[in-house]
C-alpha atoms as a PDB file:
ATOM      1  CA  UNK A   1      41.712 155.110 140.279  1.00  0.00           C
ATOM      2  CA  UNK A   2      44.168 157.228 141.888  1.00  0.00           C
ATOM      3  CA  UNK A   3      46.164 159.606 139.014  1.00  0.00           C
ATOM      4  CA  UNK A   4      49.350 158.165 137.459  1.00  0.00           C
ATOM      5  CA  UNK A   5      51.370 161.111 137.406  1.00  0.00           C
ATOM      6  CA  UNK A   6      54.687 159.795 136.981  1.00  0.00           C
ATOM      7  CA  UNK A   7      53.448 159.137 133.608  1.00  0.00           C
ATOM      8  CA  UNK A   8      52.980 162.767 131.905  1.00  0.00           C
ATOM      9  CA  UNK A   9      53.836 162.156 128.705  1.00  0.00           C
ATOM     10  CA  UNK A  10      50.736 162.177 125.857  1.00  0.00           C
ATOM     11  CA  UNK A  11      50.237 159.647 123.069  1.00  0.00           C
ATOM     12  CA  UNK A  12      48.597 156.622 123.378  1.00  0.00           C
ATOM     13  CA  UNK A  13      51.108 154.731 125.073  1.00  0.00           C
ATOM     14  CA  UNK A  14      50.930 156.932 128.167  1.00  0.00           C
ATOM     15  CA  UNK A  15      47.088 157.021 127.676  1.00  0.00           C
ATOM     16  CA  UNK A  16      46.256 153.795 127.385  1.00  0.00           C
ATOM     17  CA  UNK A  17      49.017 152.940 130.696  1.00  0.00           C
ATOM     18  CA  UNK A  18      47.171 156.075 133.078  1.00  0.00           C
ATOM     19  CA  UNK A  19      43.665 154.694 131.968  1.00  0.00           C
ATOM     20  CA  UNK A  20      44.116 150.845 132.615  1.00  0.00           C
ATOM     21  CA  UNK A  21      42.897 149.203 135.655  1.00  0.00           C
ATOM     22  CA  UNK A  22      46.085 147.588 136.898  1.00  0.00           C
ATOM     23  CA  UNK A  23      44.749 146.210 140.092  1.00  0.00           C
ATOM     24  CA  UNK A  24      44.016 142.637 138.887  1.00  0.00           C
ATOM     25  CA  UNK A  25      47.483 142.452 137.320  1.00  0.00           C
ATOM     26  CA  UNK A  26      50.813 140.876 139.027  1.00  0.00           C
ATOM     27  CA  UNK A  27      52.176 144.308 139.635  1.00  0.00           C
ATOM     28  CA  UNK A  28      48.800 145.598 141.474  1.00  0.00           C
ATOM     29  CA  UNK A  29      47.897 149.540 141.579  1.00  0.00           C
ATOM     30  CA  UNK A  30      50.285 152.232 140.685  1.00  0.00           C
ATOM     31  CA  UNK A  31      50.719 154.035 143.561  1.00  0.00           C
ATOM     32  CA  UNK A  32      52.852 151.043 144.934  1.00  0.00           C
ATOM     33  CA  UNK A  33      54.770 150.250 142.378  1.00  0.00           C
ATOM     34  CA  UNK A  34      58.572 150.619 143.267  1.00  0.00           C
ATOM     35  CA  UNK A  35      60.327 153.806 142.706  1.00  0.00           C
ATOM     36  CA  UNK A  36      62.627 152.172 140.247  1.00  0.00           C
ATOM     37  CA  UNK A  37      59.664 150.702 138.026  1.00  0.00           C
ATOM     38  CA  UNK A  38      58.414 154.583 138.039  1.00  0.00           C
ATOM     39  CA  UNK A  39      61.135 156.391 136.710  1.00  0.00           C
ATOM     40  CA  UNK A  40      61.986 153.569 134.076  1.00  0.00           C
ATOM     41  CA  UNK A  41      58.691 153.572 132.447  1.00  0.00           C
ATOM     42  CA  UNK A  42      58.289 156.932 132.504  1.00  0.00           C
ATOM     43  CA  UNK A  43      62.154 157.680 130.482  1.00  0.00           C
ATOM     44  CA  UNK A  44      60.757 154.625 128.335  1.00  0.00           C
ATOM     45  CA  UNK A  45      57.355 155.895 127.686  1.00  0.00           C
ATOM     46  CA  UNK A  46      59.313 159.403 127.015  1.00  0.00           C
ATOM     47  CA  UNK A  47      61.792 158.334 124.717  1.00  0.00           C
ATOM     48  CA  UNK A  48      61.728 159.192 121.104  1.00  0.00           C
ATOM     49  CA  UNK A  49      63.733 156.108 120.191  1.00  0.00           C
ATOM     50  CA  UNK A  50      61.529 152.929 120.066  1.00  0.00           C
ATOM     51  CA  UNK A  51      62.229 151.106 123.598  1.00  0.00           C
ATOM     52  CA  UNK A  52      60.421 148.725 125.590  1.00  0.00           C
ATOM     53  CA  UNK A  53      60.262 147.553 129.349  1.00  0.00           C
ATOM     54  CA  UNK A  54      59.976 143.751 130.367  1.00  0.00           C
ATOM     55  CA  UNK A  55      59.460 144.097 133.985  1.00  0.00           C
ATOM     56  CA  UNK A  56      59.533 141.697 137.020  1.00  0.00           C
ATOM     57  CA  UNK A  57      59.477 138.001 137.667  1.00  0.00           C
ATOM     58  CA  UNK A  58      56.316 138.036 135.172  1.00  0.00           C
ATOM     59  CA  UNK A  59      58.609 140.443 132.256  1.00  0.00           C
ATOM     60  CA  UNK A  60      55.353 142.011 132.247  1.00  0.00           C
ATOM     61  CA  UNK A  61      55.541 144.431 129.273  1.00  0.00           C
ATOM     62  CA  UNK A  62      55.622 148.389 128.063  1.00  0.00           C
ATOM     63  CA  UNK A  63      56.339 149.623 125.214  1.00  0.00           C
ATOM     64  CA  UNK A  64      55.900 153.172 123.744  1.00  0.00           C
ATOM     65  CA  UNK A  65      54.347 154.270 120.961  1.00  0.00           C
ATOM     66  CA  UNK A  66      57.549 154.390 118.582  1.00  0.00           C
ATOM     67  CA  UNK A  67      58.291 150.725 119.512  1.00  0.00           C
ATOM     68  CA  UNK A  68      54.748 149.561 119.128  1.00  0.00           C
ATOM     69  CA  UNK A  69      54.488 151.266 115.404  1.00  0.00           C
ATOM     70  CA  UNK A  70      58.301 149.642 114.640  1.00  0.00           C
ATOM     71  CA  UNK A  71      57.479 146.100 115.826  1.00  0.00           C
ATOM     72  CA  UNK A  72      53.576 146.547 114.703  1.00  0.00           C
ATOM     73  CA  UNK A  73      52.509 145.745 117.932  1.00  0.00           C
ATOM     74  CA  UNK A  74      48.902 146.724 119.319  1.00  0.00           C
ATOM     75  CA  UNK A  75      48.080 148.994 122.789  1.00  0.00           C
ATOM     76  CA  UNK A  76      46.774 145.704 124.213  1.00  0.00           C
ATOM     77  CA  UNK A  77      50.528 144.711 124.442  1.00  0.00           C
ATOM     78  CA  UNK A  78      50.842 147.206 127.303  1.00  0.00           C
ATOM     79  CA  UNK A  79      50.948 145.642 130.574  1.00  0.00           C
ATOM     80  CA  UNK A  80      50.780 141.980 129.243  1.00  0.00           C
ATOM     81  CA  UNK A  81      53.040 139.262 130.324  1.00  0.00           C
ATOM     82  CA  UNK A  82      55.529 138.977 128.077  1.00  0.00           C
ATOM     83  CA  UNK A  83      55.470 135.140 127.367  1.00  0.00           C
ATOM     84  CA  UNK A  84      51.234 135.162 126.843  1.00  0.00           C
ATOM     85  CA  UNK A  85      51.267 138.183 124.921  1.00  0.00           C
ATOM     86  CA  UNK A  86      54.188 137.917 122.646  1.00  0.00           C
ATOM     87  CA  UNK A  87      55.908 134.023 122.451  1.00  0.00           C
ATOM     88  CA  UNK A  88      57.834 134.151 119.657  1.00  0.00           C
ATOM     89  CA  UNK A  89      59.750 137.208 121.837  1.00  0.00           C
ATOM     90  CA  UNK A  90      59.332 134.999 124.867  1.00  0.00           C
ATOM     91  CA  UNK A  91      61.170 132.274 122.966  1.00  0.00           C
ATOM     92  CA  UNK A  92      64.627 133.861 122.482  1.00  0.00           C
ATOM     93  CA  UNK A  93      64.342 136.537 125.381  1.00  0.00           C
ATOM     94  CA  UNK A  94      63.158 133.598 127.795  1.00  0.00           C
ATOM     95  CA  UNK A  95      66.619 132.368 128.636  1.00  0.00           C
ATOM     96  CA  UNK A  96      68.053 135.681 129.199  1.00  0.00           C
ATOM     97  CA  UNK A  97      65.199 136.809 131.293  1.00  0.00           C
ATOM     98  CA  UNK A  98      66.126 133.715 133.546  1.00  0.00           C
ATOM     99  CA  UNK A  99      69.601 134.733 133.153  1.00  0.00           C
ATOM    100  CA  UNK A 100      69.066 138.079 134.679  1.00  0.00           C
ATOM    101  CA  UNK A 101      67.147 136.500 137.559  1.00  0.00           C
ATOM    102  CA  UNK A 102      70.182 134.725 138.072  1.00  0.00           C
ATOM    103  CA  UNK A 103      72.169 137.804 138.534  1.00  0.00           C
ATOM    104  CA  UNK A 104      73.742 137.567 134.846  1.00  0.00           C
ATOM    105  CA  UNK A 105      73.507 140.963 132.601  1.00  0.00           C
ATOM    106  CA  UNK A 106      73.264 140.404 128.840  1.00  0.00           C
ATOM    107  CA  UNK A 107      74.032 142.144 125.809  1.00  0.00           C
ATOM    108  CA  UNK A 108      72.714 141.598 122.498  1.00  0.00           C
ATOM    109  CA  UNK A 109      72.982 143.876 119.287  1.00  0.00           C
ATOM    110  CA  UNK A 110      70.883 143.582 116.152  1.00  0.00           C
ATOM    111  CA  UNK A 111      69.634 139.790 117.078  1.00  0.00           C
ATOM    112  CA  UNK A 112      66.476 138.539 114.612  1.00  0.00           C
ATOM    113  CA  UNK A 113      63.435 137.552 115.957  1.00  0.00           C
ATOM    114  CA  UNK A 114      60.451 136.308 113.985  1.00  0.00           C
ATOM    115  CA  UNK A 115      57.252 137.973 115.203  1.00  0.00           C
ATOM    116  CA  UNK A 116      54.044 137.415 113.930  1.00  0.00           C
ATOM    117  CA  UNK A 117      52.427 140.922 113.302  1.00  0.00           C
ATOM    118  CA  UNK A 118      49.375 141.663 110.783  1.00  0.00           C
ATOM    119  CA  UNK A 119      48.509 138.466 110.643  1.00  0.00           C
ATOM    120  CA  UNK A 120      51.713 136.614 109.144  1.00  0.00           C
ATOM    121  CA  UNK A 121      55.403 135.921 110.286  1.00  0.00           C
ATOM    122  CA  UNK A 122      57.876 138.981 109.708  1.00  0.00           C
ATOM    123  CA  UNK A 123      61.390 139.254 110.889  1.00  0.00           C
ATOM    124  CA  UNK A 124      62.758 141.946 113.115  1.00  0.00           C
ATOM    125  CA  UNK A 125      65.963 143.089 114.343  1.00  0.00           C
ATOM    126  CA  UNK A 126      66.043 144.086 118.310  1.00  0.00           C
ATOM    127  CA  UNK A 127      68.900 144.907 120.131  1.00  0.00           C
ATOM    128  CA  UNK A 128      69.132 144.989 123.576  1.00  0.00           C
ATOM    129  CA  UNK A 129      70.054 144.232 127.499  1.00  0.00           C
ATOM    130  CA  UNK A 130      68.770 141.950 130.211  1.00  0.00           C
ATOM    131  CA  UNK A 131      70.011 143.030 133.224  1.00  0.00           C
ATOM    132  CA  UNK A 132      68.137 142.928 137.007  1.00  0.00           C
ATOM    133  CA  UNK A 133      67.508 146.230 139.015  1.00  0.00           C
ATOM    134  CA  UNK A 134      68.009 146.677 142.527  1.00  0.00           C
ATOM    135  CA  UNK A 135      65.385 145.825 143.984  1.00  0.00           C
ATOM    136  CA  UNK A 136      66.568 142.165 142.021  1.00  0.00           C
ATOM    137  CA  UNK A 137      63.866 142.296 139.532  1.00  0.00           C
ATOM    138  CA  UNK A 138      64.597 141.858 136.579  1.00  0.00           C
ATOM    139  CA  UNK A 139      64.256 144.367 133.818  1.00  0.00           C
ATOM    140  CA  UNK A 140      64.840 144.204 130.375  1.00  0.00           C
ATOM    141  CA  UNK A 141      64.821 147.256 128.433  1.00  0.00           C
ATOM    142  CA  UNK A 142      65.183 146.801 125.217  1.00  0.00           C
ATOM    143  CA  UNK A 143      66.526 149.289 122.624  1.00  0.00           C
ATOM    144  CA  UNK A 144      65.241 148.688 118.503  1.00  0.00           C
END
């Protein structure tokens, strides 16, 4: 498997991304990922702020270490389809992602979303923007 050289950061999220076999995912092999995804993902993983990225029509999830800890999410949430791995979050974000698919940009501040984590439902608060990238892939960067 070729190295993922565009994720230069250290920590569990970066290590997980580098070691993951992406060939069986909707994204395919990292060397074929669009430059936009590579650039944004590198910034997300390197951020000291809790940051997430949901990429493409399948809303493939990427979280940095700070976001994983702040939201109480497992490493395995990285690379999954948002709808499948975090259905509580998808219920709220799904409509915004669909609007972004139609070219609409949305911004939400301090939106309360109840997530099941640590074995029980807990309220969490999210500030995020959903937009479409230059490649017309839906790109949602969330900042908590």
